[in-house]
């Protein structure tokens, strides 16, 4: 693996962790360093960092907060 590719991976702990969990990427990046972008995209999906995944998490949190507020209203009414 090229030193500059390895340096990028080491600088971002999530990429390093993803690489350790998916060792096939060692071979892929050793043969074609341009695949780093593809690995970063897969790591983002794996760790839930894509925009749709973040929006889904925000939506879940909002629903939970609204449910808690509704429960507090019901408790106060009784």
N, C-alpha and C. Protein backbone atom coordinates (compact mmCIF):
# COMPACT_ATOMS: atom_id res chain seq x y z
N UNK A 1 0.86 -1.17 0.00
CA UNK A 1 0.00 0.00 0.00
C UNK A 1 0.90 1.23 0.00
N UNK A 2 0.53 2.21 -0.78
CA UNK A 2 1.32 3.43 -0.87
C UNK A 2 1.28 4.19 0.45
N UNK A 3 2.40 4.81 0.80
CA UNK A 3 2.45 5.54 2.08
C UNK A 3 1.42 6.66 2.19
N UNK A 4 1.14 7.37 1.09
CA UNK A 4 0.19 8.48 1.17
C UNK A 4 -1.24 7.95 1.40
N UNK A 5 -1.56 6.80 0.84
CA UNK A 5 -2.88 6.19 1.07
C UNK A 5 -2.98 5.74 2.52
N UNK A 6 -1.93 5.11 3.01
CA UNK A 6 -1.93 4.64 4.39
C UNK A 6 -2.01 5.82 5.36
N UNK A 7 -1.36 6.92 5.02
CA UNK A 7 -1.40 8.11 5.88
C UNK A 7 -2.81 8.67 5.97
N UNK A 8 -3.54 8.68 4.86
CA UNK A 8 -4.94 9.15 4.87
C UNK A 8 -5.77 8.26 5.76
N UNK A 9 -5.57 6.96 5.65
CA UNK A 9 -6.33 6.00 6.46
C UNK A 9 -6.01 6.16 7.94
N UNK A 10 -4.73 6.32 8.25
CA UNK A 10 -4.34 6.46 9.66
C UNK A 10 -4.84 7.79 10.25
N UNK A 11 -4.99 8.81 9.42
CA UNK A 11 -5.42 10.11 9.95
C UNK A 11 -6.90 10.11 10.33
N UNK A 12 -7.67 9.18 9.79
CA UNK A 12 -9.09 9.09 10.11
C UNK A 12 -9.35 7.75 10.78
N UNK A 13 -9.66 7.80 12.05
CA UNK A 13 -9.78 6.58 12.84
C UNK A 13 -10.89 5.65 12.32
N UNK A 14 -11.97 6.22 11.80
CA UNK A 14 -13.05 5.36 11.28
C UNK A 14 -12.59 4.59 10.06
N UNK A 15 -11.82 5.22 9.20
CA UNK A 15 -11.30 4.51 8.03
C UNK A 15 -10.35 3.40 8.46
N UNK A 16 -9.54 3.69 9.44
CA UNK A 16 -8.61 2.67 9.95
C UNK A 16 -9.38 1.50 10.55
N UNK A 17 -10.40 1.80 11.31
CA UNK A 17 -11.23 0.75 11.90
C UNK A 17 -11.93 -0.06 10.81
N UNK A 18 -12.46 0.62 9.79
CA UNK A 18 -13.14 -0.08 8.69
C UNK A 18 -12.17 -0.99 7.95
N UNK A 19 -10.96 -0.51 7.74
CA UNK A 19 -9.95 -1.31 7.06
C UNK A 19 -9.61 -2.56 7.87
N UNK A 20 -9.55 -2.42 9.17
CA UNK A 20 -9.25 -3.59 10.01
C UNK A 20 -10.41 -4.59 10.03
N UNK A 21 -11.65 -4.08 9.92
CA UNK A 21 -12.81 -4.96 9.89
C UNK A 21 -13.01 -5.62 8.54
N UNK A 22 -12.50 -5.00 7.48
CA UNK A 22 -12.64 -5.53 6.12
C UNK A 22 -11.26 -5.64 5.48
N UNK A 23 -10.51 -6.68 5.82
CA UNK A 23 -9.11 -6.78 5.37
C UNK A 23 -8.94 -6.96 3.87
N UNK A 24 -9.98 -7.27 3.13
CA UNK A 24 -9.85 -7.39 1.67
C UNK A 24 -9.43 -6.06 1.06
N UNK A 25 -9.73 -4.97 1.76
CA UNK A 25 -9.35 -3.65 1.24
C UNK A 25 -7.85 -3.44 1.24
N UNK A 26 -7.09 -4.14 2.08
CA UNK A 26 -5.63 -4.03 2.04
C UNK A 26 -5.13 -4.41 0.64
N UNK A 27 -5.62 -5.53 0.15
CA UNK A 27 -5.20 -6.02 -1.17
C UNK A 27 -5.68 -5.09 -2.28
N UNK A 28 -6.96 -4.67 -2.19
CA UNK A 28 -7.50 -3.80 -3.23
C UNK A 28 -6.73 -2.48 -3.32
N UNK A 29 -6.46 -1.87 -2.16
CA UNK A 29 -5.75 -0.60 -2.16
C UNK A 29 -4.28 -0.76 -2.55
N UNK A 30 -3.71 -1.90 -2.24
CA UNK A 30 -2.34 -2.16 -2.66
C UNK A 30 -2.21 -2.25 -4.16
N UNK A 31 -3.22 -2.79 -4.81
CA UNK A 31 -3.20 -2.94 -6.26
C UNK A 31 -3.65 -1.68 -6.98
N UNK A 32 -4.65 -0.99 -6.41
CA UNK A 32 -5.19 0.20 -7.06
C UNK A 32 -5.51 1.26 -6.01
N UNK A 33 -4.58 2.17 -5.75
CA UNK A 33 -4.79 3.20 -4.73
C UNK A 33 -5.95 4.14 -5.03
N UNK A 34 -6.39 4.19 -6.28
CA UNK A 34 -7.50 5.07 -6.63
C UNK A 34 -8.83 4.58 -6.05
N UNK A 35 -8.85 3.37 -5.53
CA UNK A 35 -10.07 2.83 -4.92
C UNK A 35 -10.32 3.39 -3.52
N UNK A 36 -9.45 4.28 -3.07
CA UNK A 36 -9.61 4.87 -1.74
C UNK A 36 -10.95 5.58 -1.61
N UNK A 37 -11.37 6.30 -2.65
CA UNK A 37 -12.66 6.99 -2.60
C UNK A 37 -13.80 6.00 -2.43
N UNK A 38 -13.71 4.88 -3.11
CA UNK A 38 -14.76 3.86 -2.99
C UNK A 38 -14.79 3.29 -1.57
N UNK A 39 -13.61 3.07 -0.99
CA UNK A 39 -13.56 2.56 0.38
C UNK A 39 -14.15 3.57 1.35
N UNK A 40 -13.86 4.86 1.13
CA UNK A 40 -14.40 5.91 2.00
C UNK A 40 -15.92 5.92 1.92
N UNK A 41 -16.46 5.77 0.72
CA UNK A 41 -17.92 5.74 0.55
C UNK A 41 -18.52 4.54 1.27
N UNK A 42 -17.90 3.38 1.12
CA UNK A 42 -18.42 2.19 1.80
C UNK A 42 -18.31 2.33 3.31
N UNK A 43 -17.24 2.93 3.79
CA UNK A 43 -17.09 3.14 5.23
C UNK A 43 -18.16 4.10 5.75
N UNK A 44 -18.47 5.12 4.98
CA UNK A 44 -19.51 6.06 5.40
C UNK A 44 -20.86 5.36 5.50
N UNK A 45 -21.16 4.48 4.57
CA UNK A 45 -22.41 3.72 4.63
C UNK A 45 -22.39 2.80 5.84
N UNK A 46 -21.26 2.14 6.06
CA UNK A 46 -21.12 1.20 7.18
C UNK A 46 -21.33 1.89 8.52
N UNK A 47 -20.79 3.10 8.67
CA UNK A 47 -20.89 3.82 9.93
C UNK A 47 -22.10 4.74 10.01
N UNK A 48 -22.94 4.74 8.98
CA UNK A 48 -24.16 5.54 9.01
C UNK A 48 -23.91 7.02 8.85
N UNK A 49 -22.97 7.39 8.04
CA UNK A 49 -22.60 8.78 7.87
C UNK A 49 -23.17 9.41 6.60
N UNK A 50 -23.96 8.68 5.85
CA UNK A 50 -24.52 9.26 4.63
C UNK A 50 -25.70 10.15 4.98
N UNK A 51 -26.03 11.06 4.09
CA UNK A 51 -27.11 12.00 4.36
C UNK A 51 -28.45 11.31 4.62
N UNK A 52 -28.86 10.32 3.81
CA UNK A 52 -30.14 9.65 4.13
C UNK A 52 -30.13 8.95 5.49
N UNK A 53 -29.00 8.38 5.85
CA UNK A 53 -28.92 7.72 7.16
C UNK A 53 -28.99 8.74 8.29
N UNK A 54 -28.35 9.88 8.11
CA UNK A 54 -28.41 10.92 9.14
C UNK A 54 -29.82 11.47 9.28
N UNK A 55 -30.48 11.68 8.13
CA UNK A 55 -31.85 12.19 8.17
C UNK A 55 -32.77 11.19 8.86
N UNK A 56 -32.58 9.93 8.61
CA UNK A 56 -33.38 8.89 9.27
C UNK A 56 -33.17 8.93 10.78
N UNK A 57 -31.93 9.10 11.21
CA UNK A 57 -31.64 9.17 12.65
C UNK A 57 -32.27 10.41 13.27
N UNK A 58 -32.21 11.54 12.58
CA UNK A 58 -32.85 12.76 13.09
C UNK A 58 -34.35 12.56 13.19
N UNK A 59 -34.93 11.92 12.19
CA UNK A 59 -36.37 11.66 12.20
C UNK A 59 -36.76 10.77 13.39
N UNK A 60 -35.97 9.75 13.65
CA UNK A 60 -36.24 8.88 14.80
C UNK A 60 -36.15 9.65 16.11
N UNK A 61 -35.14 10.50 16.22
CA UNK A 61 -34.98 11.29 17.44
C UNK A 61 -36.13 12.26 17.64
N UNK A 62 -36.58 12.87 16.55
CA UNK A 62 -37.72 13.79 16.63
C UNK A 62 -38.98 13.06 17.06
N UNK A 63 -39.22 11.89 16.50
CA UNK A 63 -40.39 11.10 16.90
C UNK A 63 -40.33 10.73 18.38
N UNK A 64 -39.15 10.36 18.85
CA UNK A 64 -38.99 10.01 20.26
C UNK A 64 -39.26 11.23 21.14
N UNK A 65 -38.74 12.38 20.75
CA UNK A 65 -38.96 13.60 21.53
C UNK A 65 -40.44 13.97 21.55
N UNK A 66 -41.10 13.87 20.41
CA UNK A 66 -42.52 14.19 20.35
C UNK A 66 -43.35 13.23 21.21
N UNK A 67 -42.96 11.97 21.22
CA UNK A 67 -43.67 10.99 22.04
C UNK A 67 -43.48 11.32 23.53
N UNK A 68 -42.28 11.71 23.92
CA UNK A 68 -42.01 12.07 25.31
C UNK A 68 -42.81 13.31 25.72
N UNK A 69 -42.89 14.29 24.83
CA UNK A 69 -43.67 15.50 25.12
C UNK A 69 -45.14 15.15 25.29
N UNK A 70 -45.64 14.29 24.42
CA UNK A 70 -47.05 13.87 24.52
C UNK A 70 -47.31 13.13 25.82
N UNK A 71 -46.38 12.30 26.24
CA UNK A 71 -46.54 11.58 27.51
C UNK A 71 -46.55 12.56 28.68
N UNK A 72 -45.69 13.58 28.62
CA UNK A 72 -45.66 14.57 29.69
C UNK A 72 -46.98 15.35 29.75
N UNK A 73 -47.55 15.65 28.60
CA UNK A 73 -48.85 16.35 28.57
C UNK A 73 -49.92 15.50 29.22
N UNK A 74 -49.94 14.20 28.89
CA UNK A 74 -50.95 13.32 29.45
C UNK A 74 -50.80 13.17 30.95
N UNK A 75 -49.58 13.13 31.44
CA UNK A 75 -49.34 13.01 32.88
C UNK A 75 -49.81 14.29 33.57
N UNK A 76 -49.57 15.44 32.99
CA UNK A 76 -49.96 16.71 33.59
C UNK A 76 -51.47 16.90 33.58
N UNK A 77 -52.17 16.32 32.62
CA UNK A 77 -53.63 16.46 32.54
C UNK A 77 -54.34 15.65 33.63
N UNK A 78 -53.73 14.59 34.10
CA UNK A 78 -54.40 13.76 35.10
C UNK A 78 -54.16 14.22 36.50
